[in-house]
Amino acid sequence: MLNSIEKIRNSKSRLIRVSSEDKSLGTNNKFTVDLASNGGVIDNVKGFVVHSAEVPNVFNNITPINNNINVSFTGGATETSFTIAIPIGYYLIDDLLNLINTLISNQIAINGDTYTLVFSKIGSYPTERILVSVNGVSVGSLYLLNVDNDILLSLGIQSNSNIGPSAFQVNNGVPHVAQYIPNLIGETACYIHSRILGTNNLTEASGTFSVVDKIDLDKPFGSVCYTNYNNDTTHSINYFPFEGKKTIRTIDINLRNREGTELILPPNFNFSMMFKIFYS
């Protein structure tokens, strides 16, 4: 007696390619292939296998969820509180610190203030830490606030007491060392979802989605990463049999991170994958 996987292997099959050229109109990370205009609708589909998939590791480590620094003061200060926004992008630690210092010094000058606030690095990878120094503040100290969308946690800078969103206090002339080594790692994996091909396991307001493959972003920034679905519990089998035969008219793909959040893709993102569809 053949099991469900063996039955699929003994079926007819057809390769379907989905790529960045199939991006859905008005979206950044959704891709759709209309089979009616790409070889015809497939009836009596028994299952599928991800034949191959690849994405470039071009995901930013500074994103809209970690690109702010908020500077504040105690009562009586003559200095102006402000927030800087770091442009979205991929940064090495030295480049990021140089940019932060430039943005801060520019904002201090715009506010008409004269103190200095500098982020620097002490030590070397993998034990480097961030040093925060301030000089010339009228009240003797300033505060870096752990607020929404800030980068402090990525730099290892939490409140001095390590309690929730409390401020990180920096006193005049007394450099403060961040508690933790900076973590500028961006996305670690790209999860490929499809409502049409997979079983439902992720629900949100815009619909229900299913993981059909995962690509570990384990190559240096700018390099191409490839699927390896046999090494993760998400892909414990190579073949995905359907409970019953079905007709497939389109194949939809949505790229998300480990938490299920849709990935923000750069304009030149070059994604490609191949499905093998089994049918009778």
Protein backbone atom coordinates (compact mmCIF):
# COMPACT_ATOMS: atom_id res chain seq x y z
CA MET A 1 0.00 0.00 0.00
CA LEU A 2 1.46 3.36 -1.03
CA ASN A 3 1.47 6.14 1.56
CA SER A 4 0.36 9.69 0.71
CA ILE A 5 3.88 10.87 -0.11
CA GLU A 6 4.57 7.92 -2.40
CA LYS A 7 1.28 8.54 -4.17
CA ILE A 8 2.30 12.13 -4.78
CA ARG A 9 5.70 11.09 -6.12
CA ASN A 10 4.00 8.78 -8.62
CA SER A 11 1.75 11.57 -9.91
CA LYS A 12 2.14 13.98 -12.77
CA SER A 13 4.02 17.13 -11.83
CA ARG A 14 4.54 20.66 -13.03
CA LEU A 15 7.08 23.31 -12.03
CA ILE A 16 5.78 26.78 -11.17
CA ARG A 17 8.17 29.69 -10.66
CA VAL A 18 7.37 32.67 -8.44
CA SER A 19 9.74 35.63 -8.47
CA SER A 20 10.06 39.34 -7.78
CA GLU A 21 8.63 39.91 -11.26
CA ASP A 22 5.30 38.62 -9.91
CA LYS A 23 4.94 41.29 -7.22
CA SER A 24 1.29 42.11 -6.62
CA LEU A 25 0.30 45.64 -7.67
CA GLY A 26 0.49 48.14 -4.84
CA THR A 27 2.35 45.83 -2.44
CA ASN A 28 5.93 45.45 -1.33
CA ASN A 29 6.14 41.83 -0.23
CA LYS A 30 3.30 39.92 -1.90
CA PHE A 31 3.72 37.89 -5.09
CA THR A 32 1.04 36.23 -7.21
CA VAL A 33 1.23 33.96 -10.24
CA ASP A 34 -1.95 33.61 -12.31
CA LEU A 35 -1.82 30.08 -13.69
CA ALA A 36 -4.50 30.77 -16.32
CA SER A 37 -1.98 32.94 -18.16
CA ASN A 38 1.06 30.85 -17.18
CA GLY A 39 0.46 27.39 -18.55
CA GLY A 40 -3.12 26.87 -17.38
CA VAL A 41 -5.10 26.08 -14.23
CA ILE A 42 -4.08 22.83 -12.49
CA ASP A 43 -6.90 20.43 -11.54
CA ASN A 44 -6.81 17.46 -9.17
CA VAL A 45 -3.80 18.75 -7.27
CA LYS A 46 -2.56 16.24 -4.66
CA GLY A 47 0.23 18.26 -3.09
CA PHE A 48 3.43 20.12 -3.74
CA VAL A 49 7.09 20.43 -2.82
CA VAL A 50 9.28 23.51 -2.61
CA HIS A 51 11.80 22.71 -5.30
CA SER A 52 14.07 25.68 -4.56
CA ALA A 53 13.99 29.20 -3.13
CA GLU A 54 16.44 32.04 -2.75
CA VAL A 55 16.50 35.57 -1.34
CA PRO A 56 19.34 38.07 -0.98
CA ASN A 57 20.23 39.08 2.57
CA VAL A 58 19.49 42.77 2.09
CA PHE A 59 17.27 43.35 5.11
CA ASN A 60 18.01 46.51 7.07
CA ASN A 61 19.15 46.34 10.68
CA ILE A 62 17.89 49.86 11.33
CA THR A 63 14.16 49.90 10.63
CA PRO A 64 11.11 51.98 11.60
CA ILE A 65 10.94 50.02 14.87
CA ASN A 66 14.42 50.95 16.17
CA ASN A 67 15.57 54.19 14.55
CA ASN A 68 14.95 56.90 17.19
CA ILE A 69 16.97 58.41 20.03
CA ASN A 70 15.15 60.67 22.51
CA VAL A 71 17.18 63.16 24.59
CA SER A 72 15.57 64.85 27.59
CA PHE A 73 16.52 66.94 30.65
CA THR A 74 15.47 67.55 34.24
CA GLY A 75 13.54 70.65 35.25
CA GLY A 76 15.40 73.96 35.09
CA ALA A 77 17.53 73.00 32.10
CA THR A 78 18.16 75.64 29.46
CA GLU A 79 18.72 72.96 26.80
CA THR A 80 15.99 71.77 24.43
CA SER A 81 14.78 68.15 24.45
CA PHE A 82 14.75 66.46 21.05
CA THR A 83 14.45 63.22 19.13
CA ILE A 84 16.61 62.19 16.19
CA ALA A 85 15.47 59.73 13.53
CA ILE A 86 18.16 57.55 11.94
CA PRO A 87 17.54 56.88 8.23
CA ILE A 88 16.42 53.33 7.54
CA GLY A 89 19.25 51.16 6.28
CA TYR A 90 21.93 48.60 7.01
CA TYR A 91 24.78 49.81 9.24
CA LEU A 92 28.02 48.53 10.67
CA ILE A 93 28.56 49.74 14.23
CA ASP A 94 31.25 52.35 13.43
CA ASP A 95 29.21 53.88 10.62
CA LEU A 96 26.11 53.95 12.79
CA LEU A 97 27.87 55.71 15.68
CA ASN A 98 29.34 58.31 13.31
CA LEU A 99 25.90 59.00 11.89
CA ILE A 100 24.28 59.22 15.33
CA ASN A 101 26.91 61.72 16.48
CA THR A 102 26.40 63.84 13.36
CA LEU A 103 22.61 63.88 13.76
CA ILE A 104 22.89 64.75 17.45
CA SER A 105 25.42 67.55 16.97
CA ASN A 106 23.35 69.01 14.13
CA GLN A 107 20.21 68.99 16.28
CA ILE A 108 22.01 70.57 19.24
CA ALA A 109 23.19 73.37 16.94
CA ILE A 110 19.68 73.84 15.49
CA ASN A 111 18.33 74.17 19.05
CA GLY A 112 20.95 76.86 19.81
CA ASP A 113 22.61 74.79 22.54
CA THR A 114 26.34 74.32 23.10
CA TYR A 115 26.82 71.08 25.03
CA THR A 116 28.20 67.87 23.49
CA LEU A 117 26.69 64.38 23.49
CA VAL A 118 28.84 61.66 21.94
CA PHE A 119 28.37 57.93 21.35
CA SER A 120 31.64 56.02 21.02
CA LYS A 121 32.89 52.43 21.13
CA ILE A 122 35.23 50.83 23.61
CA GLY A 123 36.80 47.42 23.19
CA SER A 124 36.76 45.26 20.08
CA TYR A 125 34.38 42.72 18.61
CA PRO A 126 32.98 40.52 20.06
CA THR A 127 33.18 42.33 23.43
CA GLU A 128 32.80 45.93 22.25
CA ARG A 129 30.42 48.17 24.18
CA ILE A 130 29.01 51.65 23.72
CA LEU A 131 30.20 54.63 25.74
CA VAL A 132 27.91 57.67 26.14
CA SER A 133 29.53 60.98 27.13
CA VAL A 134 28.02 64.43 27.78
CA ASN A 135 29.70 67.72 28.66
CA GLY A 136 28.34 71.22 29.25
CA VAL A 137 24.71 70.57 30.21
CA SER A 138 23.34 73.32 32.48
CA VAL A 139 21.63 70.94 34.91
CA GLY A 140 24.54 68.51 35.02
CA SER A 141 22.90 65.54 33.31
CA LEU A 142 20.66 64.42 30.49
CA TYR A 143 18.46 61.40 29.91
CA LEU A 144 18.15 58.95 27.06
CA LEU A 145 14.61 57.68 27.21
CA ASN A 146 13.65 54.10 26.38
CA VAL A 147 10.64 54.97 24.22
CA ASP A 148 8.88 53.35 21.28
CA ASN A 149 11.01 52.90 18.18
CA ASP A 150 14.34 53.71 19.83
CA ILE A 151 17.69 52.14 19.12
CA LEU A 152 18.97 52.12 22.70
CA LEU A 153 18.29 48.45 23.28
CA SER A 154 20.13 47.52 20.07
CA LEU A 155 23.13 49.45 21.42
CA GLY A 156 22.89 47.80 24.84
CA ILE A 157 21.72 51.01 26.49
CA GLN A 158 18.92 50.44 28.96
CA SER A 159 17.91 52.34 32.07
CA ASN A 160 20.59 52.55 34.76
CA SER A 161 18.36 50.48 37.02
CA ASN A 162 17.40 48.06 34.21
CA ILE A 163 13.76 48.73 34.98
CA GLY A 164 11.44 48.97 31.98
CA PRO A 165 11.29 52.30 30.16
CA SER A 166 13.13 54.32 32.83
CA ALA A 167 15.64 56.88 31.59
CA PHE A 168 19.34 56.19 31.10
CA GLN A 169 21.00 59.09 32.95
CA VAL A 170 24.30 60.51 31.72
CA ASN A 171 26.11 63.01 33.99
CA ASN A 172 28.45 65.78 32.89
CA GLY A 173 31.99 64.55 32.36
CA VAL A 174 31.22 61.00 33.52
CA PRO A 175 31.04 58.59 30.57
CA HIS A 176 28.48 55.84 30.99
CA VAL A 177 29.13 52.40 29.57
CA ALA A 178 26.20 50.52 28.07
CA GLN A 179 25.15 47.40 29.95
CA TYR A 180 25.27 45.12 26.95
CA ILE A 181 27.25 44.45 23.80
CA PRO A 182 25.53 46.11 20.82
CA ASN A 183 23.29 43.86 18.76
CA LEU A 184 22.90 45.14 15.21
CA ILE A 185 21.65 41.87 13.77
CA GLY A 186 18.65 42.45 11.54
CA GLU A 187 16.28 39.76 10.32
CA THR A 188 17.54 36.22 10.83
CA ALA A 189 15.11 34.31 8.61
CA CYS A 190 12.63 34.84 5.80
CA TYR A 191 9.41 32.82 6.15
CA ILE A 192 7.51 32.17 2.93
CA HIS A 193 3.74 32.04 3.44
CA SER A 194 0.93 31.01 1.10
CA ARG A 195 -2.79 30.92 1.89
CA ILE A 196 -3.46 28.78 -1.17
CA LEU A 197 -0.79 26.12 -0.78
CA GLY A 198 -0.42 25.63 2.96
CA THR A 199 -2.53 24.82 5.98
CA ASN A 200 -3.62 27.77 8.07
CA ASN A 201 -1.32 28.61 10.95
CA LEU A 202 -1.05 32.39 11.10
CA THR A 203 -4.11 34.64 11.35
CA GLU A 204 -4.25 38.43 11.27
CA ALA A 205 -6.66 41.14 10.21
CA SER A 206 -5.77 40.85 6.52
CA GLY A 207 -6.24 37.09 6.35
CA THR A 208 -4.89 33.69 7.28
CA PHE A 209 -1.48 32.55 6.12
CA SER A 210 0.65 29.44 6.15
CA VAL A 211 4.38 28.78 6.14
CA VAL A 212 5.50 26.76 3.13
CA ASP A 213 9.22 27.36 3.48
CA LYS A 214 11.87 29.17 5.51
CA ILE A 215 15.17 30.64 4.37
CA ASP A 216 17.80 31.29 7.03
CA LEU A 217 19.56 34.60 6.42
CA ASP A 218 22.88 33.03 7.31
CA LYS A 219 25.05 34.67 4.65
CA PRO A 220 26.73 38.11 4.87
CA PHE A 221 24.71 41.18 3.96
CA GLY A 222 24.25 41.34 0.19
CA SER A 223 24.79 37.60 -0.34
CA VAL A 224 22.14 35.19 -1.63
CA CYS A 225 20.61 32.76 0.87
CA TYR A 226 19.02 29.48 -0.16
CA THR A 227 16.29 27.28 1.22
CA ASN A 228 17.16 24.36 3.45
CA TYR A 229 13.78 23.09 4.59
CA ASN A 230 15.01 19.75 5.93
CA ASN A 231 16.83 21.39 8.84
CA ASP A 232 13.88 22.97 10.63
CA THR A 233 10.79 21.60 12.32
CA THR A 234 8.70 23.88 10.12
CA HIS A 235 9.65 21.61 7.23
CA SER A 236 9.78 18.16 8.77
CA ILE A 237 8.81 16.52 5.45
CA ASN A 238 9.76 17.34 1.91
CA TYR A 239 6.31 16.83 0.45
CA PHE A 240 3.11 18.59 1.44
CA PRO A 241 0.12 16.38 0.57
CA PHE A 242 -3.35 17.94 0.51
CA GLU A 243 -6.21 16.34 2.43
CA GLY A 244 -8.21 16.18 -0.78
CA LYS A 245 -7.66 17.04 -4.41
CA LYS A 246 -8.06 20.70 -5.29
CA THR A 247 -7.89 23.05 -8.24
CA ILE A 248 -5.22 25.75 -8.18
CA ARG A 249 -5.79 28.87 -10.26
CA THR A 250 -3.20 31.11 -8.63
CA ILE A 251 -0.22 30.79 -6.31
CA ASP A 252 0.21 33.53 -3.74
CA ILE A 253 3.37 34.23 -1.73
CA ASN A 254 3.91 36.57 1.21
CA LEU A 255 7.30 37.12 2.86
CA ARG A 256 7.36 37.53 6.66
CA ASN A 257 9.81 37.36 9.53
CA ARG A 258 9.91 34.94 12.46
CA GLU A 259 7.22 36.88 14.32
CA GLY A 260 4.89 36.85 11.32
CA THR A 261 5.40 40.53 10.48
CA GLU A 262 5.54 41.33 6.77
CA LEU A 263 9.10 42.03 5.67
CA ILE A 264 9.95 45.46 4.28
CA LEU A 265 11.75 44.78 1.01
CA PRO A 266 14.10 47.18 -0.82
CA PRO A 267 13.01 48.28 -4.32
CA ASN A 268 15.59 46.07 -6.06
CA PHE A 269 14.83 42.95 -4.01
CA ASN A 270 15.39 39.85 -6.17
CA PHE A 271 13.32 36.92 -4.88
CA SER A 272 12.84 33.59 -6.66
CA MET A 273 11.38 30.19 -5.81
CA MET A 274 10.16 27.10 -7.62
CA PHE A 275 7.29 24.81 -6.65
CA LYS A 276 6.68 21.35 -8.02
CA ILE A 277 2.93 20.76 -8.11
CA PHE A 278 1.68 17.13 -8.15
CA TYR A 279 -1.66 16.30 -9.79
CA SER A 280 -3.55 13.49 -11.52
